[in-house]
């Protein structure tokens, strides 16, 4: 079956699947965090998780640390979430419960950097070369090993050529977004725009650096 024919899920469809309550969908794809007691304990989840990945044809990323195991199924193209990801996620959660891990969905997040560029300038080739990234789709760039934040390049219309502008996008679970906004405001941030809430809030730091707290990927389609 070709990549174009692989059935895919929206984030909402993924969350309606059975056994995925530990998981949330961020801008980088479905993700779960399982608290561990030690590094050796964390490593115990790898064998059953890898077995599930091979069984369901999923290509996950694992981040194994003494505090937790982070399991991600990253977007590798614009097709969306492969439908088999839900079966993989349920199998990993089942194994984690059996091995004594504690799911911590409130710790799920991914970070993206949005580069605002002059409408007549394409800066993506510069950033991909400087960072060793690869193009993704028409507007994004990614670390080939998915260790760094995803970049998106957005043209500014009606502007004049000048120094570029950027902001951070912080993707969090939908049920954690308001708390993250409140924490940022309590830490001295400023609310710039909440007209798109609860999909996202635009905040600014005390010295006017931009951050969007986004939860829309946890409930909506990642791609049209």
C-alpha atoms as a PDB file:
ATOM      1  CA  UNK A   1       0.000   0.000   0.000  1.00  0.00           C
ATOM      2  CA  UNK A   2       1.464   3.383  -0.946  1.00  0.00           C
ATOM      3  CA  UNK A   3       1.840   6.297   1.488  1.00  0.00           C
ATOM      4  CA  UNK A   4      -1.117   8.007  -0.196  1.00  0.00           C
ATOM      5  CA  UNK A   5      -3.375   5.013   0.526  1.00  0.00           C
ATOM      6  CA  UNK A   6      -2.545   4.510   4.209  1.00  0.00           C
ATOM      7  CA  UNK A   7      -5.660   5.324   6.288  1.00  0.00           C
ATOM      8  CA  UNK A   8      -5.130   8.297   8.561  1.00  0.00           C
ATOM      9  CA  UNK A   9      -6.800   9.796  11.638  1.00  0.00           C
ATOM     10  CA  UNK A  10      -7.497  13.319  12.748  1.00  0.00           C
ATOM     11  CA  UNK A  11      -6.516  14.139  16.329  1.00  0.00           C
ATOM     12  CA  UNK A  12     -10.168  13.946  17.383  1.00  0.00           C
ATOM     13  CA  UNK A  13     -10.539  10.509  15.793  1.00  0.00           C
ATOM     14  CA  UNK A  14      -7.351   9.347  17.497  1.00  0.00           C
ATOM     15  CA  UNK A  15      -8.675  10.416  20.904  1.00  0.00           C
ATOM     16  CA  UNK A  16     -11.936   8.548  20.326  1.00  0.00           C
ATOM     17  CA  UNK A  17     -10.025   5.290  19.835  1.00  0.00           C
ATOM     18  CA  UNK A  18     -10.009   2.738  22.637  1.00  0.00           C
ATOM     19  CA  UNK A  19      -7.115   2.610  25.099  1.00  0.00           C
ATOM     20  CA  UNK A  20      -5.408   5.930  24.237  1.00  0.00           C
ATOM     21  CA  UNK A  21      -6.369   7.903  27.346  1.00  0.00           C
ATOM     22  CA  UNK A  22      -2.706   8.384  28.301  1.00  0.00           C
ATOM     23  CA  UNK A  23      -1.940  10.095  24.973  1.00  0.00           C
ATOM     24  CA  UNK A  24      -2.284  13.620  23.627  1.00  0.00           C
ATOM     25  CA  UNK A  25      -1.714  15.026  20.125  1.00  0.00           C
ATOM     26  CA  UNK A  26       0.664  17.978  19.772  1.00  0.00           C
ATOM     27  CA  UNK A  27       2.041  19.827  16.783  1.00  0.00           C
ATOM     28  CA  UNK A  28       4.604  17.042  16.391  1.00  0.00           C
ATOM     29  CA  UNK A  29       2.134  14.137  16.596  1.00  0.00           C
ATOM     30  CA  UNK A  30       0.690  11.789  19.256  1.00  0.00           C
ATOM     31  CA  UNK A  31       2.738  11.624  22.431  1.00  0.00           C
ATOM     32  CA  UNK A  32       2.673  10.074  25.907  1.00  0.00           C
ATOM     33  CA  UNK A  33       4.815  10.523  29.018  1.00  0.00           C
ATOM     34  CA  UNK A  34       5.224   7.680  31.511  1.00  0.00           C
ATOM     35  CA  UNK A  35       6.905   8.455  34.831  1.00  0.00           C
ATOM     36  CA  UNK A  36       9.655   6.004  35.797  1.00  0.00           C
ATOM     37  CA  UNK A  37      11.380   5.102  39.050  1.00  0.00           C
ATOM     38  CA  UNK A  38      14.887   4.867  37.568  1.00  0.00           C
ATOM     39  CA  UNK A  39      16.743   4.612  34.275  1.00  0.00           C
ATOM     40  CA  UNK A  40      16.655   0.823  34.391  1.00  0.00           C
ATOM     41  CA  UNK A  41      12.927   0.913  35.080  1.00  0.00           C
ATOM     42  CA  UNK A  42      12.432   3.329  32.173  1.00  0.00           C
ATOM     43  CA  UNK A  43      14.314   0.998  29.840  1.00  0.00           C
ATOM     44  CA  UNK A  44      11.899  -1.849  30.600  1.00  0.00           C
ATOM     45  CA  UNK A  45       9.233  -0.199  28.456  1.00  0.00           C
ATOM     46  CA  UNK A  46      11.349  -0.316  25.316  1.00  0.00           C
ATOM     47  CA  UNK A  47      11.030  -4.003  24.503  1.00  0.00           C
ATOM     48  CA  UNK A  48       7.199  -4.191  24.523  1.00  0.00           C
ATOM     49  CA  UNK A  49       6.922  -0.766  22.857  1.00  0.00           C
ATOM     50  CA  UNK A  50       9.291  -1.756  20.041  1.00  0.00           C
ATOM     51  CA  UNK A  51       7.405  -5.029  19.619  1.00  0.00           C
ATOM     52  CA  UNK A  52       4.135  -3.087  19.288  1.00  0.00           C
ATOM     53  CA  UNK A  53       5.720  -0.688  16.809  1.00  0.00           C
ATOM     54  CA  UNK A  54       6.828  -3.561  14.586  1.00  0.00           C
ATOM     55  CA  UNK A  55       3.458  -5.287  14.914  1.00  0.00           C
ATOM     56  CA  UNK A  56       1.471  -2.223  13.831  1.00  0.00           C
ATOM     57  CA  UNK A  57       3.954  -0.733  11.372  1.00  0.00           C
ATOM     58  CA  UNK A  58       4.530   2.452  13.387  1.00  0.00           C
ATOM     59  CA  UNK A  59       7.832   4.364  13.557  1.00  0.00           C
ATOM     60  CA  UNK A  60       7.948   5.965  17.030  1.00  0.00           C
ATOM     61  CA  UNK A  61      10.601   8.000  18.810  1.00  0.00           C
ATOM     62  CA  UNK A  62      11.633   7.138  22.375  1.00  0.00           C
ATOM     63  CA  UNK A  63      13.226   9.451  24.916  1.00  0.00           C
ATOM     64  CA  UNK A  64      14.386   7.338  27.873  1.00  0.00           C
ATOM     65  CA  UNK A  65      15.418   9.168  31.033  1.00  0.00           C
ATOM     66  CA  UNK A  66      15.620   8.296  34.738  1.00  0.00           C
ATOM     67  CA  UNK A  67      12.484  10.367  35.395  1.00  0.00           C
ATOM     68  CA  UNK A  68      10.294   9.220  32.529  1.00  0.00           C
ATOM     69  CA  UNK A  69       9.888   7.644  29.115  1.00  0.00           C
ATOM     70  CA  UNK A  70       8.500   9.880  26.367  1.00  0.00           C
ATOM     71  CA  UNK A  71       6.959   8.027  23.431  1.00  0.00           C
ATOM     72  CA  UNK A  72       6.127   9.992  20.278  1.00  0.00           C
ATOM     73  CA  UNK A  73       4.737   9.088  16.889  1.00  0.00           C
ATOM     74  CA  UNK A  74       6.041  12.027  14.862  1.00  0.00           C
ATOM     75  CA  UNK A  75       4.504  13.466  11.741  1.00  0.00           C
ATOM     76  CA  UNK A  76       6.880  12.405   8.978  1.00  0.00           C
ATOM     77  CA  UNK A  77       4.861  13.891   6.119  1.00  0.00           C
ATOM     78  CA  UNK A  78       1.607  15.760   5.494  1.00  0.00           C
ATOM     79  CA  UNK A  79      -0.606  12.663   5.526  1.00  0.00           C
ATOM     80  CA  UNK A  80      -1.659  12.941   9.179  1.00  0.00           C
ATOM     81  CA  UNK A  81      -1.781  10.264  11.893  1.00  0.00           C
ATOM     82  CA  UNK A  82      -1.653   6.682  10.554  1.00  0.00           C
ATOM     83  CA  UNK A  83      -4.728   4.844  11.806  1.00  0.00           C
ATOM     84  CA  UNK A  84      -2.600   2.019  13.237  1.00  0.00           C
ATOM     85  CA  UNK A  85      -1.059   4.531  15.643  1.00  0.00           C
ATOM     86  CA  UNK A  86      -4.071   4.137  17.921  1.00  0.00           C
ATOM     87  CA  UNK A  87      -3.453   0.382  18.231  1.00  0.00           C
ATOM     88  CA  UNK A  88       0.221   1.030  18.940  1.00  0.00           C
ATOM     89  CA  UNK A  89      -0.605   3.652  21.580  1.00  0.00           C
ATOM     90  CA  UNK A  90      -3.063   1.337  23.336  1.00  0.00           C
ATOM     91  CA  UNK A  91      -0.502  -1.474  23.389  1.00  0.00           C
ATOM     92  CA  UNK A  92       2.190   0.794  24.844  1.00  0.00           C
ATOM     93  CA  UNK A  93      -0.181   2.065  27.533  1.00  0.00           C
ATOM     94  CA  UNK A  94      -1.142  -1.507  28.423  1.00  0.00           C
ATOM     95  CA  UNK A  95       2.514  -2.497  28.749  1.00  0.00           C
ATOM     96  CA  UNK A  96       3.303   0.611  30.789  1.00  0.00           C
ATOM     97  CA  UNK A  97       0.517  -0.167  33.252  1.00  0.00           C
ATOM     98  CA  UNK A  98       1.687  -3.759  33.581  1.00  0.00           C
ATOM     99  CA  UNK A  99       5.260  -2.607  34.284  1.00  0.00           C
ATOM    100  CA  UNK A 100       4.286  -0.067  36.942  1.00  0.00           C
ATOM    101  CA  UNK A 101       4.638   3.190  34.994  1.00  0.00           C
ATOM    102  CA  UNK A 102       2.479   6.196  35.800  1.00  0.00           C
ATOM    103  CA  UNK A 103       1.074   8.108  32.817  1.00  0.00           C
ATOM    104  CA  UNK A 104       1.528  11.881  33.043  1.00  0.00           C
ATOM    105  CA  UNK A 105      -0.371  13.467  30.144  1.00  0.00           C
ATOM    106  CA  UNK A 106      -0.050  16.916  31.704  1.00  0.00           C
ATOM    107  CA  UNK A 107       3.675  16.824  30.847  1.00  0.00           C
ATOM    108  CA  UNK A 108       3.137  16.287  27.131  1.00  0.00           C
ATOM    109  CA  UNK A 109       4.216  19.181  24.909  1.00  0.00           C
ATOM    110  CA  UNK A 110       6.082  20.079  21.753  1.00  0.00           C
ATOM    111  CA  UNK A 111       7.708  23.376  20.818  1.00  0.00           C
ATOM    112  CA  UNK A 112       7.804  24.992  17.396  1.00  0.00           C
ATOM    113  CA  UNK A 113       9.492  28.167  16.169  1.00  0.00           C
ATOM    114  CA  UNK A 114       7.607  30.273  13.637  1.00  0.00           C
ATOM    115  CA  UNK A 115       9.857  32.458  11.525  1.00  0.00           C
ATOM    116  CA  UNK A 116       8.071  35.521  10.149  1.00  0.00           C
ATOM    117  CA  UNK A 117       9.712  36.524   6.886  1.00  0.00           C
ATOM    118  CA  UNK A 118       9.261  39.271   4.321  1.00  0.00           C
ATOM    119  CA  UNK A 119       6.687  38.189   1.752  1.00  0.00           C
ATOM    120  CA  UNK A 120       9.224  38.366  -1.088  1.00  0.00           C
ATOM    121  CA  UNK A 121      11.977  36.457   0.750  1.00  0.00           C
ATOM    122  CA  UNK A 122      12.385  32.716   1.287  1.00  0.00           C
ATOM    123  CA  UNK A 123      14.645  32.153   4.296  1.00  0.00           C
ATOM    124  CA  UNK A 124      13.965  28.428   4.676  1.00  0.00           C
ATOM    125  CA  UNK A 125      17.045  27.371   2.644  1.00  0.00           C
ATOM    126  CA  UNK A 126      19.249  29.446   4.959  1.00  0.00           C
ATOM    127  CA  UNK A 127      17.821  27.935   8.142  1.00  0.00           C
ATOM    128  CA  UNK A 128      17.867  24.362   6.827  1.00  0.00           C
ATOM    129  CA  UNK A 129      21.524  24.778   5.877  1.00  0.00           C
ATOM    130  CA  UNK A 130      22.536  26.495   9.125  1.00  0.00           C
ATOM    131  CA  UNK A 131      20.726  24.017  11.389  1.00  0.00           C
ATOM    132  CA  UNK A 132      21.181  20.866   9.319  1.00  0.00           C
ATOM    133  CA  UNK A 133      17.400  20.572   8.979  1.00  0.00           C
ATOM    134  CA  UNK A 134      15.309  19.120   6.145  1.00  0.00           C
ATOM    135  CA  UNK A 135      12.289  20.676   4.391  1.00  0.00           C
ATOM    136  CA  UNK A 136       8.849  19.374   5.407  1.00  0.00           C
ATOM    137  CA  UNK A 137       5.928  20.226   3.174  1.00  0.00           C
ATOM    138  CA  UNK A 138       5.774  23.670   1.614  1.00  0.00           C
ATOM    139  CA  UNK A 139       6.490  25.821   4.670  1.00  0.00           C
ATOM    140  CA  UNK A 140       8.221  23.835   7.424  1.00  0.00           C
ATOM    141  CA  UNK A 141      11.630  22.387   8.275  1.00  0.00           C
ATOM    142  CA  UNK A 142      12.550  19.636  10.722  1.00  0.00           C
ATOM    143  CA  UNK A 143      15.550  18.155  12.458  1.00  0.00           C
ATOM    144  CA  UNK A 144      16.127  14.814  10.660  1.00  0.00           C
ATOM    145  CA  UNK A 145      16.405  13.109  14.056  1.00  0.00           C
ATOM    146  CA  UNK A 146      13.560  15.201  15.524  1.00  0.00           C
ATOM    147  CA  UNK A 147      15.641  16.397  18.457  1.00  0.00           C
ATOM    148  CA  UNK A 148      15.198  20.114  17.790  1.00  0.00           C
ATOM    149  CA  UNK A 149      12.013  22.166  17.466  1.00  0.00           C
ATOM    150  CA  UNK A 150      10.132  22.201  14.182  1.00  0.00           C
ATOM    151  CA  UNK A 151      10.373  25.427  12.189  1.00  0.00           C
ATOM    152  CA  UNK A 152       7.585  27.037  10.156  1.00  0.00           C
ATOM    153  CA  UNK A 153       8.120  29.950   7.795  1.00  0.00           C
ATOM    154  CA  UNK A 154       5.267  32.426   7.494  1.00  0.00           C
ATOM    155  CA  UNK A 155       5.345  35.354   5.064  1.00  0.00           C
ATOM    156  CA  UNK A 156       4.247  38.767   6.292  1.00  0.00           C
ATOM    157  CA  UNK A 157       2.013  40.429   3.711  1.00  0.00           C
ATOM    158  CA  UNK A 158       2.050  44.139   3.040  1.00  0.00           C
ATOM    159  CA  UNK A 159       5.390  44.564   4.759  1.00  0.00           C
ATOM    160  CA  UNK A 160       8.721  46.032   3.832  1.00  0.00           C
ATOM    161  CA  UNK A 161      12.009  44.181   3.861  1.00  0.00           C
ATOM    162  CA  UNK A 162      13.562  44.434   7.307  1.00  0.00           C
ATOM    163  CA  UNK A 163      14.888  42.316  10.126  1.00  0.00           C
ATOM    164  CA  UNK A 164      12.946  39.067  10.475  1.00  0.00           C
ATOM    165  CA  UNK A 165      10.585  38.344  13.338  1.00  0.00           C
ATOM    166  CA  UNK A 166       9.850  35.065  15.084  1.00  0.00           C
ATOM    167  CA  UNK A 167       7.707  33.622  17.855  1.00  0.00           C
ATOM    168  CA  UNK A 168       7.461  30.329  19.699  1.00  0.00           C
ATOM    169  CA  UNK A 169       4.502  27.977  19.448  1.00  0.00           C
ATOM    170  CA  UNK A 170       4.079  25.753  22.501  1.00  0.00           C
ATOM    171  CA  UNK A 171       1.690  22.883  21.826  1.00  0.00           C
ATOM    172  CA  UNK A 172       0.117  21.458  24.977  1.00  0.00           C
ATOM    173  CA  UNK A 173      -2.804  19.113  25.695  1.00  0.00           C
ATOM    174  CA  UNK A 174      -6.185  20.836  25.441  1.00  0.00           C
ATOM    175  CA  UNK A 175      -6.909  20.236  29.117  1.00  0.00           C
ATOM    176  CA  UNK A 176      -3.640  21.920  30.128  1.00  0.00           C
ATOM    177  CA  UNK A 177      -3.721  25.016  27.908  1.00  0.00           C
ATOM    178  CA  UNK A 178      -5.537  27.446  30.204  1.00  0.00           C
ATOM    179  CA  UNK A 179      -3.279  26.540  33.140  1.00  0.00           C
ATOM    180  CA  UNK A 180      -0.204  27.159  30.988  1.00  0.00           C
ATOM    181  CA  UNK A 181      -1.587  30.549  29.889  1.00  0.00           C
ATOM    182  CA  UNK A 182      -2.377  31.491  33.483  1.00  0.00           C
ATOM    183  CA  UNK A 183       1.120  30.524  34.606  1.00  0.00           C
ATOM    184  CA  UNK A 184       2.738  32.618  31.869  1.00  0.00           C
ATOM    185  CA  UNK A 185       0.602  35.643  32.731  1.00  0.00           C
ATOM    186  CA  UNK A 186       1.381  35.242  36.432  1.00  0.00           C
ATOM    187  CA  UNK A 187       5.086  35.197  35.544  1.00  0.00           C
ATOM    188  CA  UNK A 188       4.871  38.673  34.007  1.00  0.00           C
ATOM    189  CA  UNK A 189       3.515  37.886  30.542  1.00  0.00           C
ATOM    190  CA  UNK A 190       0.938  39.944  28.673  1.00  0.00           C
ATOM    191  CA  UNK A 191      -2.148  38.681  26.851  1.00  0.00           C
ATOM    192  CA  UNK A 192      -1.974  39.961  23.270  1.00  0.00           C
ATOM    193  CA  UNK A 193      -4.874  38.114  21.649  1.00  0.00           C
ATOM    194  CA  UNK A 194      -7.345  35.530  22.906  1.00  0.00           C
ATOM    195  CA  UNK A 195      -9.796  35.761  20.000  1.00  0.00           C
ATOM    196  CA  UNK A 196      -8.828  32.248  18.861  1.00  0.00           C
ATOM    197  CA  UNK A 197      -9.046  30.632  22.309  1.00  0.00           C
ATOM    198  CA  UNK A 198      -9.270  27.828  23.222  1.00  0.00           C
ATOM    199  CA  UNK A 199      -7.424  26.894  20.016  1.00  0.00           C
ATOM    200  CA  UNK A 200      -4.558  29.230  20.901  1.00  0.00           C
ATOM    201  CA  UNK A 201      -3.652  32.297  22.933  1.00  0.00           C
ATOM    202  CA  UNK A 202      -1.027  34.831  21.848  1.00  0.00           C
ATOM    203  CA  UNK A 203       1.127  36.103  24.713  1.00  0.00           C
ATOM    204  CA  UNK A 204       4.104  38.423  24.982  1.00  0.00           C
ATOM    205  CA  UNK A 205       6.952  38.439  27.463  1.00  0.00           C
ATOM    206  CA  UNK A 206       7.688  41.608  29.467  1.00  0.00           C
ATOM    207  CA  UNK A 207      10.121  42.647  26.722  1.00  0.00           C
ATOM    208  CA  UNK A 208       7.651  41.736  23.953  1.00  0.00           C
ATOM    209  CA  UNK A 209       8.857  38.344  22.705  1.00  0.00           C
ATOM    210  CA  UNK A 210       5.925  36.356  21.321  1.00  0.00           C
ATOM    211  CA  UNK A 211       4.641  32.965  22.458  1.00  0.00           C
ATOM    212  CA  UNK A 212       1.495  31.179  21.296  1.00  0.00           C
ATOM    213  CA  UNK A 213       0.057  28.596  23.686  1.00  0.00           C
ATOM    214  CA  UNK A 214      -1.723  26.219  21.316  1.00  0.00           C
ATOM    215  CA  UNK A 215      -4.047  23.309  22.014  1.00  0.00           C
ATOM    216  CA  UNK A 216      -5.874  23.001  18.696  1.00  0.00           C
ATOM    217  CA  UNK A 217      -3.788  20.040  17.518  1.00  0.00           C
ATOM    218  CA  UNK A 218      -5.117  17.992  20.432  1.00  0.00           C
ATOM    219  CA  UNK A 219      -8.685  18.036  19.110  1.00  0.00           C
ATOM    220  CA  UNK A 220      -8.623  19.031  15.441  1.00  0.00           C
ATOM    221  CA  UNK A 221      -7.092  17.973  12.140  1.00  0.00           C
ATOM    222  CA  UNK A 222      -3.379  18.618  11.903  1.00  0.00           C
ATOM    223  CA  UNK A 223      -3.594  18.974   8.131  1.00  0.00           C
ATOM    224  CA  UNK A 224      -6.547  20.021   5.941  1.00  0.00           C
END
